[in-house]
């Protein structure tokens, strides 16, 4: 059974930082994409940052470029999202997702296409106060 468990959310002030973690278990495909998505109240879920097992660089959505960084610990199969210089508009529930994916497919595809076949975590709330 595939499980993704996010931790690290919380409430911070504008300009501060948070690091989210996503522990993945039971996901045994060798080629995959994994990423972070977020959903703010009244808005659709959007891709924030995605990576895969291929050679391509990670994808970052425009609003977070230069502030967020995704990384992955292959030994523990944990994915991180380092979030710096947080803004009130970053307030959302953040979800980790994984999907079987060819290594030749750009990570942007995972973050921007319809989320069919994705495995999701339960989400973690991030609240940024001004």
Foldseek 3Di string as FASTA:
>chain_A
DWAWAKDWADEEAAQAKIKIKIQIPPDDDPKKKKAKWWDDPPGDIFGAWMDIPADDDIDGDPVQPPFWDWDADVVRGMIMIIGGRDDQVVWTWMKMKMAHDHNVDHRVCCRPDPPPRIDIHPTDTHGYHD
